[in-house]
Amino acid sequence: MWIDSWDAIGRVLLVGAASYGTLVLILRATGKRTLSQLNAFDFIVTVALGSTLATILLSSSVSWLEGLTALILLAGLQFVVAWSSSRLPSLRNLLTTQPALLLADGQFLPDSMKEHRLAESEVRQAVRMQGIGDLNDVRAVILETNGTFSVISSSQYGNGSALEDVRHAGRR
């Protein structure tokens, strides 16, 4: 129950160290975007890399070379998708969603909230987490492509140019 064999422990230590070092090298080679979680596809790659590393460490039926191949494949696919979507707007539109405006000038946008299956309490929580106690002090709350909320106060809004690509921002 506590230990199957010392060989298994030794394998985890050796393969774990080699896999960890390899993953660090792969991430350095593919750039910061690989773990950025800017959208759902980035998040999926992050989870898949972690799952693959765990499998390499704990499953003796997966060789280190097989695991290395899987890590390189995931990072390589992420690199190709990110590179392509940054150069081809039609591919970017296919792979990612637009950020969506949920609250404008202190007023909830019910259609947008319904579309994204969000409750007013969730948006209020995001506002409170920014240290803002009055919705009238909020110019915009945006649901970003990675699922996080951006809260822009009236004093930070400026000319609003950062909201150019936000759905519903032009319909206020």
Protein backbone atom coordinates (compact mmCIF):
# COMPACT_ATOMS: atom_id res chain seq x y z
CA MET A 1 0.00 0.00 0.00
CA TRP A 2 2.75 2.49 0.86
CA ILE A 3 5.30 1.45 -1.73
CA ASP A 4 5.24 -0.94 -4.67
CA SER A 5 8.97 -1.00 -5.33
CA TRP A 6 12.05 1.12 -5.01
CA ASP A 7 12.52 0.77 -8.78
CA ALA A 8 9.20 2.55 -9.33
CA ILE A 9 10.30 5.37 -7.01
CA GLY A 10 13.61 5.63 -8.85
CA ARG A 11 11.77 5.76 -12.20
CA VAL A 12 9.55 8.61 -10.99
CA LEU A 13 12.62 10.54 -9.79
CA LEU A 14 14.63 10.03 -12.98
CA VAL A 15 11.83 10.37 -15.50
CA GLY A 16 10.31 13.23 -13.50
CA ALA A 17 13.52 15.25 -13.50
CA ALA A 18 14.10 14.58 -17.21
CA SER A 19 10.49 15.42 -18.09
CA TYR A 20 10.48 18.59 -16.02
CA GLY A 21 13.71 19.79 -17.61
CA THR A 22 12.41 18.94 -21.07
CA LEU A 23 9.13 20.76 -20.46
CA VAL A 24 11.01 23.87 -19.32
CA LEU A 25 13.10 23.77 -22.51
CA ILE A 26 10.01 23.28 -24.69
CA LEU A 27 8.24 26.21 -23.03
CA ARG A 28 11.29 28.43 -23.45
CA ALA A 29 11.51 27.46 -27.13
CA THR A 30 7.82 28.03 -27.88
CA GLY A 31 7.49 31.31 -26.00
CA LYS A 32 5.28 32.78 -23.32
CA ARG A 33 2.11 32.34 -25.35
CA THR A 34 2.10 28.57 -24.76
CA LEU A 35 0.96 29.06 -21.15
CA SER A 36 -0.72 32.44 -21.50
CA GLN A 37 -4.34 31.27 -21.26
CA LEU A 38 -5.54 34.13 -23.47
CA ASN A 39 -8.41 32.00 -24.75
CA ALA A 40 -9.99 28.57 -24.39
CA PHE A 41 -7.46 26.90 -26.69
CA ASP A 42 -4.55 28.25 -24.64
CA PHE A 43 -6.21 26.95 -21.48
CA ILE A 44 -6.70 23.51 -23.03
CA VAL A 45 -3.01 23.30 -23.94
CA THR A 46 -2.01 24.28 -20.41
CA VAL A 47 -4.20 21.56 -18.91
CA ALA A 48 -3.07 19.01 -21.51
CA LEU A 49 0.61 19.75 -20.81
CA GLY A 50 0.04 19.21 -17.10
CA SER A 51 -1.89 16.01 -17.69
CA THR A 52 0.77 14.71 -20.05
CA LEU A 53 3.53 15.48 -17.55
CA ALA A 54 1.59 13.64 -14.82
CA THR A 55 1.12 10.62 -17.10
CA ILE A 56 4.83 10.55 -17.94
CA LEU A 57 5.68 10.67 -14.24
CA LEU A 58 3.22 8.11 -12.94
CA SER A 59 2.53 5.66 -15.73
CA SER A 60 5.27 3.12 -16.31
CA SER A 61 3.50 2.10 -19.51
CA VAL A 62 4.47 5.45 -21.09
CA SER A 63 8.14 5.79 -21.95
CA TRP A 64 9.99 9.05 -21.50
CA LEU A 65 10.41 9.36 -25.29
CA GLU A 66 6.67 8.86 -25.87
CA GLY A 67 5.93 11.52 -23.27
CA LEU A 68 8.50 13.87 -24.79
CA THR A 69 6.84 13.39 -28.18
CA ALA A 70 3.44 14.22 -26.70
CA LEU A 71 4.78 17.37 -24.99
CA ILE A 72 6.46 18.55 -28.19
CA LEU A 73 3.31 17.81 -30.19
CA LEU A 74 1.09 19.85 -27.84
CA ALA A 75 3.49 22.79 -27.67
CA GLY A 76 4.06 22.65 -31.43
CA LEU A 77 0.34 22.62 -32.21
CA GLN A 78 -0.19 25.53 -29.83
CA PHE A 79 2.61 27.43 -31.56
CA VAL A 80 1.15 26.79 -35.03
CA VAL A 81 -2.39 27.76 -33.98
CA ALA A 82 -1.19 30.92 -32.19
CA TRP A 83 1.09 31.92 -35.06
CA SER A 84 -1.61 31.29 -37.66
CA SER A 85 -4.40 33.04 -35.76
CA SER A 86 -2.21 36.09 -35.18
CA ARG A 87 -1.72 36.44 -38.95
CA LEU A 88 -5.07 35.26 -40.32
CA PRO A 89 -8.07 37.19 -38.95
CA SER A 90 -10.55 34.66 -40.35
CA LEU A 91 -8.84 31.83 -38.43
CA ARG A 92 -8.68 33.97 -35.28
CA ASN A 93 -12.43 34.63 -35.54
CA LEU A 94 -13.06 30.89 -35.96
CA LEU A 95 -10.92 29.87 -32.97
CA THR A 96 -11.63 32.60 -30.44
CA THR A 97 -14.60 34.52 -29.21
CA GLN A 98 -14.83 38.27 -28.89
CA PRO A 99 -14.78 39.93 -25.51
CA ALA A 100 -18.32 40.92 -24.48
CA LEU A 101 -19.62 43.98 -22.67
CA LEU A 102 -21.75 42.99 -19.67
CA LEU A 103 -22.21 46.30 -17.89
CA ALA A 104 -22.03 49.81 -19.34
CA ASP A 105 -22.19 53.06 -17.39
CA GLY A 106 -23.37 51.24 -14.26
CA GLN A 107 -26.20 49.42 -16.09
CA PHE A 108 -26.33 45.69 -16.73
CA LEU A 109 -26.84 44.57 -20.34
CA PRO A 110 -29.43 41.79 -19.91
CA ASP A 111 -29.12 40.34 -23.43
CA SER A 112 -25.36 40.02 -23.13
CA MET A 113 -25.65 38.59 -19.62
CA LYS A 114 -28.16 35.97 -20.84
CA GLU A 115 -26.06 35.09 -23.87
CA HIS A 116 -23.08 34.32 -21.62
CA ARG A 117 -25.16 32.67 -18.88
CA LEU A 118 -24.06 35.09 -16.19
CA ALA A 119 -25.90 36.41 -13.17
CA GLU A 120 -25.74 40.00 -11.97
CA SER A 121 -24.21 38.74 -8.72
CA GLU A 122 -21.19 37.38 -10.64
CA VAL A 123 -20.56 40.72 -12.29
CA ARG A 124 -21.03 42.54 -8.96
CA GLN A 125 -18.44 40.20 -7.46
CA ALA A 126 -15.95 41.15 -10.18
CA VAL A 127 -16.60 44.83 -9.46
CA ARG A 128 -16.13 44.33 -5.72
CA MET A 129 -12.89 42.44 -6.32
CA GLN A 130 -11.57 45.62 -7.91
CA GLY A 131 -12.37 47.54 -4.73
CA ILE A 132 -15.30 49.40 -6.25
CA GLY A 133 -18.44 49.71 -4.16
CA ASP A 134 -20.74 51.66 -6.49
CA LEU A 135 -21.77 50.40 -9.92
CA ASN A 136 -22.24 54.01 -11.00
CA ASP A 137 -18.44 54.35 -10.74
CA VAL A 138 -18.03 51.56 -13.32
CA ARG A 139 -17.93 52.51 -16.98
CA ALA A 140 -17.60 48.95 -18.30
CA VAL A 141 -17.33 45.31 -17.27
CA ILE A 142 -16.07 43.03 -20.02
CA LEU A 143 -16.09 39.24 -20.17
CA GLU A 144 -12.72 38.52 -21.77
CA THR A 145 -11.96 35.66 -24.16
CA ASN A 146 -10.25 33.70 -21.38
CA GLY A 147 -13.31 33.91 -19.10
CA THR A 148 -12.00 36.62 -16.79
CA PHE A 149 -13.68 39.94 -16.10
CA SER A 150 -12.14 43.32 -16.83
CA VAL A 151 -13.61 46.14 -14.79
CA ILE A 152 -12.99 49.67 -16.07
CA SER A 153 -13.92 52.52 -13.79
CA SER A 154 -15.12 55.87 -15.10
CA SER A 155 -11.81 57.46 -14.12
CA GLN A 156 -9.83 54.84 -16.11
CA TYR A 157 -12.01 54.81 -19.22
CA GLY A 158 -10.30 57.58 -21.19
CA ASN A 159 -11.50 57.60 -24.79
CA GLY A 160 -12.57 53.95 -24.63
CA SER A 161 -10.27 52.85 -27.46
CA ALA A 162 -9.41 49.63 -25.58
CA LEU A 163 -13.01 48.52 -26.12
CA GLU A 164 -12.81 48.55 -29.95
CA ASP A 165 -13.03 44.76 -30.27
CA VAL A 166 -15.62 44.27 -27.51
CA ARG A 167 -19.04 42.98 -28.58
CA HIS A 168 -21.95 45.27 -27.72
CA ALA A 169 -19.58 48.15 -26.88
CA GLY A 170 -20.72 50.14 -29.89
CA ARG A 171 -24.43 49.69 -29.06
CA ARG A 172 -24.55 51.71 -25.87
